Amino acid sequence: MLEISIEETDDFVVCRPSGDLDAYTVAQFREALTELADKPKLVIDLSAVPFMDSAGLGALIGGIRKARDNDGQVVVACDRPALTRLLHTTGFDRIVPVKESYDEAVEAIMNPEDADA
């Protein structure tokens, strides 16, 4: 089961999925990212995602593309070694900054010139 919380601050929006991101739950995640595609600054916090398969990764990339099509900025927070390794191995971290903590992701979204991916 996947739960997604959305938190809006004055400066950015946080999308926080909780649970596995896989073929069974990806539609819900894709829908949430589509709804957030018009936000100028988006932090996707994957800290509560224990597992993500290729369907989840595809939804994540698709959501980032939609946000960028609207000139949005996206930063991903991920403190899970297995997921971080997946994001680095697939080259995902060359598309958007991937930070090891939520606080680092917030810093990166607020100061994009300092946020080397």
C-alpha atoms as a PDB file:
ATOM      1  CA  MET A   1       0.000   0.000   0.000  1.00  0.00           C
ATOM      2  CA  LEU A   2       1.234   3.464  -0.891  1.00  0.00           C
ATOM      3  CA  GLU A   3       0.345   6.670   0.903  1.00  0.00           C
ATOM      4  CA  ILE A   4       1.308  10.055  -0.482  1.00  0.00           C
ATOM      5  CA  SER A   5       1.370  13.209   1.571  1.00  0.00           C
ATOM      6  CA  ILE A   6       1.639  16.626  -0.012  1.00  0.00           C
ATOM      7  CA  GLU A   7       2.869  19.559   2.040  1.00  0.00           C
ATOM      8  CA  GLU A   8       2.896  23.113   0.733  1.00  0.00           C
ATOM      9  CA  THR A   9       5.240  25.643   2.300  1.00  0.00           C
ATOM     10  CA  ASP A  10       5.548  29.294   1.316  1.00  0.00           C
ATOM     11  CA  ASP A  11       8.520  28.468  -0.918  1.00  0.00           C
ATOM     12  CA  PHE A  12       8.056  24.937  -2.263  1.00  0.00           C
ATOM     13  CA  VAL A  13       5.903  21.799  -2.276  1.00  0.00           C
ATOM     14  CA  VAL A  14       6.917  18.450  -0.784  1.00  0.00           C
ATOM     15  CA  CYS A  15       5.663  15.153  -2.196  1.00  0.00           C
ATOM     16  CA  ARG A  16       6.286  12.362   0.316  1.00  0.00           C
ATOM     17  CA  PRO A  17       5.330   8.859  -0.839  1.00  0.00           C
ATOM     18  CA  SER A  18       5.331   6.191   1.868  1.00  0.00           C
ATOM     19  CA  GLY A  19       5.445   2.533   0.854  1.00  0.00           C
ATOM     20  CA  ASP A  20       6.638   0.551  -2.137  1.00  0.00           C
ATOM     21  CA  LEU A  21       6.706   2.281  -5.528  1.00  0.00           C
ATOM     22  CA  ASP A  22       6.046  -0.544  -7.922  1.00  0.00           C
ATOM     23  CA  ALA A  23       3.745  -1.683 -10.710  1.00  0.00           C
ATOM     24  CA  TYR A  24       0.854  -1.972  -8.237  1.00  0.00           C
ATOM     25  CA  THR A  25       1.125   1.520  -6.779  1.00  0.00           C
ATOM     26  CA  VAL A  26       2.713   3.527  -9.579  1.00  0.00           C
ATOM     27  CA  ALA A  27      -0.549   4.944 -10.971  1.00  0.00           C
ATOM     28  CA  GLN A  28      -1.250   6.732  -7.685  1.00  0.00           C
ATOM     29  CA  PHE A  29       2.288   8.178  -7.609  1.00  0.00           C
ATOM     30  CA  ARG A  30       2.119   9.230 -11.263  1.00  0.00           C
ATOM     31  CA  GLU A  31      -1.206  10.979 -10.643  1.00  0.00           C
ATOM     32  CA  ALA A  32       0.199  12.882  -7.635  1.00  0.00           C
ATOM     33  CA  LEU A  33       3.220  14.047  -9.623  1.00  0.00           C
ATOM     34  CA  THR A  34       1.005  15.116 -12.527  1.00  0.00           C
ATOM     35  CA  GLU A  35      -1.075  17.246 -10.152  1.00  0.00           C
ATOM     36  CA  LEU A  36       2.127  18.885  -8.859  1.00  0.00           C
ATOM     37  CA  ALA A  37       3.680  19.500 -12.289  1.00  0.00           C
ATOM     38  CA  ASP A  38       2.716  23.183 -12.290  1.00  0.00           C
ATOM     39  CA  LYS A  39       4.459  23.936  -8.984  1.00  0.00           C
ATOM     40  CA  PRO A  40       7.613  26.055  -9.438  1.00  0.00           C
ATOM     41  CA  LYS A  41       9.634  24.181  -6.778  1.00  0.00           C
ATOM     42  CA  LEU A  42       9.102  20.546  -5.815  1.00  0.00           C
ATOM     43  CA  VAL A  43      10.927  18.337  -3.321  1.00  0.00           C
ATOM     44  CA  ILE A  44      10.234  14.612  -3.699  1.00  0.00           C
ATOM     45  CA  ASP A  45      11.146  12.902  -0.441  1.00  0.00           C
ATOM     46  CA  LEU A  46      11.695   9.166  -0.969  1.00  0.00           C
ATOM     47  CA  SER A  47      12.864   8.520   2.609  1.00  0.00           C
ATOM     48  CA  ALA A  48       9.782   6.398   3.403  1.00  0.00           C
ATOM     49  CA  VAL A  49      10.012   4.315   0.209  1.00  0.00           C
ATOM     50  CA  PRO A  50      11.634   0.952   1.015  1.00  0.00           C
ATOM     51  CA  PHE A  51      11.425  -0.373  -2.568  1.00  0.00           C
ATOM     52  CA  MET A  52      11.122   1.095  -6.056  1.00  0.00           C
ATOM     53  CA  ASP A  53      11.046  -0.890  -9.286  1.00  0.00           C
ATOM     54  CA  SER A  54      11.382   0.290 -12.886  1.00  0.00           C
ATOM     55  CA  ALA A  55       7.719   1.354 -12.979  1.00  0.00           C
ATOM     56  CA  GLY A  56       8.287   3.642  -9.982  1.00  0.00           C
ATOM     57  CA  LEU A  57      11.473   5.024 -11.506  1.00  0.00           C
ATOM     58  CA  GLY A  58       9.633   5.661 -14.784  1.00  0.00           C
ATOM     59  CA  ALA A  59       6.863   7.535 -12.975  1.00  0.00           C
ATOM     60  CA  LEU A  60       9.447   9.589 -11.119  1.00  0.00           C
ATOM     61  CA  ILE A  61      11.226  10.533 -14.351  1.00  0.00           C
ATOM     62  CA  GLY A  62       7.913  11.300 -16.066  1.00  0.00           C
ATOM     63  CA  GLY A  63       6.837  13.552 -13.200  1.00  0.00           C
ATOM     64  CA  ILE A  64      10.120  15.416 -13.312  1.00  0.00           C
ATOM     65  CA  ARG A  65       9.795  15.916 -17.069  1.00  0.00           C
ATOM     66  CA  LYS A  66       6.305  17.380 -16.627  1.00  0.00           C
ATOM     67  CA  ALA A  67       7.552  19.736 -13.920  1.00  0.00           C
ATOM     68  CA  ARG A  68      10.451  20.838 -16.103  1.00  0.00           C
ATOM     69  CA  ASP A  69       8.130  21.363 -19.061  1.00  0.00           C
ATOM     70  CA  ASN A  70       6.478  23.966 -16.812  1.00  0.00           C
ATOM     71  CA  ASP A  71       9.892  25.453 -15.908  1.00  0.00           C
ATOM     72  CA  GLY A  72       9.755  23.868 -12.457  1.00  0.00           C
ATOM     73  CA  GLN A  73      12.697  22.840 -10.295  1.00  0.00           C
ATOM     74  CA  VAL A  74      12.815  19.400  -8.680  1.00  0.00           C
ATOM     75  CA  VAL A  75      15.110  17.967  -6.021  1.00  0.00           C
ATOM     76  CA  VAL A  76      14.896  14.406  -4.685  1.00  0.00           C
ATOM     77  CA  ALA A  77      15.659  13.484  -1.069  1.00  0.00           C
ATOM     78  CA  CYS A  78      16.601   9.860  -0.475  1.00  0.00           C
ATOM     79  CA  ASP A  79      18.323   8.459   2.595  1.00  0.00           C
ATOM     80  CA  ARG A  80      17.926   4.789   1.694  1.00  0.00           C
ATOM     81  CA  PRO A  81      21.189   3.298   0.414  1.00  0.00           C
ATOM     82  CA  ALA A  82      19.530   0.800  -1.960  1.00  0.00           C
ATOM     83  CA  LEU A  83      17.373   3.484  -3.599  1.00  0.00           C
ATOM     84  CA  THR A  84      20.223   5.974  -3.719  1.00  0.00           C
ATOM     85  CA  ARG A  85      22.356   3.344  -5.443  1.00  0.00           C
ATOM     86  CA  LEU A  86      19.543   2.739  -7.977  1.00  0.00           C
ATOM     87  CA  LEU A  87      19.259   6.471  -8.683  1.00  0.00           C
ATOM     88  CA  HIS A  88      23.028   6.784  -9.173  1.00  0.00           C
ATOM     89  CA  THR A  89      23.381   3.568 -11.227  1.00  0.00           C
ATOM     90  CA  THR A  90      20.638   4.592 -13.649  1.00  0.00           C
ATOM     91  CA  GLY A  91      22.074   8.083 -14.066  1.00  0.00           C
ATOM     92  CA  PHE A  92      18.989   9.625 -12.515  1.00  0.00           C
ATOM     93  CA  ASP A  93      21.196  11.891 -10.397  1.00  0.00           C
ATOM     94  CA  ARG A  94      22.417  13.536 -13.607  1.00  0.00           C
ATOM     95  CA  ILE A  95      18.830  14.625 -14.351  1.00  0.00           C
ATOM     96  CA  VAL A  96      18.032  16.201 -10.976  1.00  0.00           C
ATOM     97  CA  PRO A  97      19.892  16.707  -7.713  1.00  0.00           C
ATOM     98  CA  VAL A  98      19.594  13.728  -5.364  1.00  0.00           C
ATOM     99  CA  LYS A  99      20.302  14.648  -1.754  1.00  0.00           C
ATOM    100  CA  GLU A 100      20.785  12.273   1.173  1.00  0.00           C
ATOM    101  CA  SER A 101      18.505  14.169   3.547  1.00  0.00           C
ATOM    102  CA  TYR A 102      15.356  16.230   3.429  1.00  0.00           C
ATOM    103  CA  ASP A 103      17.238  19.222   4.841  1.00  0.00           C
ATOM    104  CA  GLU A 104      19.856  19.001   2.071  1.00  0.00           C
ATOM    105  CA  ALA A 105      17.075  18.792  -0.526  1.00  0.00           C
ATOM    106  CA  VAL A 106      15.405  21.904   0.914  1.00  0.00           C
ATOM    107  CA  GLU A 107      18.746  23.727   0.806  1.00  0.00           C
ATOM    108  CA  ALA A 108      19.165  22.676  -2.841  1.00  0.00           C
ATOM    109  CA  ILE A 109      15.674  23.773  -3.902  1.00  0.00           C
ATOM    110  CA  MET A 110      16.093  27.130  -2.164  1.00  0.00           C
ATOM    111  CA  ASN A 111      19.606  27.707  -3.567  1.00  0.00           C
ATOM    112  CA  PRO A 112      19.630  25.990  -6.981  1.00  0.00           C
ATOM    113  CA  GLU A 113      22.888  27.629  -8.054  1.00  0.00           C
ATOM    114  CA  ASP A 114      24.605  25.675  -5.255  1.00  0.00           C
ATOM    115  CA  ALA A 115      22.785  22.387  -5.955  1.00  0.00           C
ATOM    116  CA  ASP A 116      25.171  20.453  -8.096  1.00  0.00           C
ATOM    117  CA  ALA A 117      23.536  17.175  -9.035  1.00  0.00           C
END
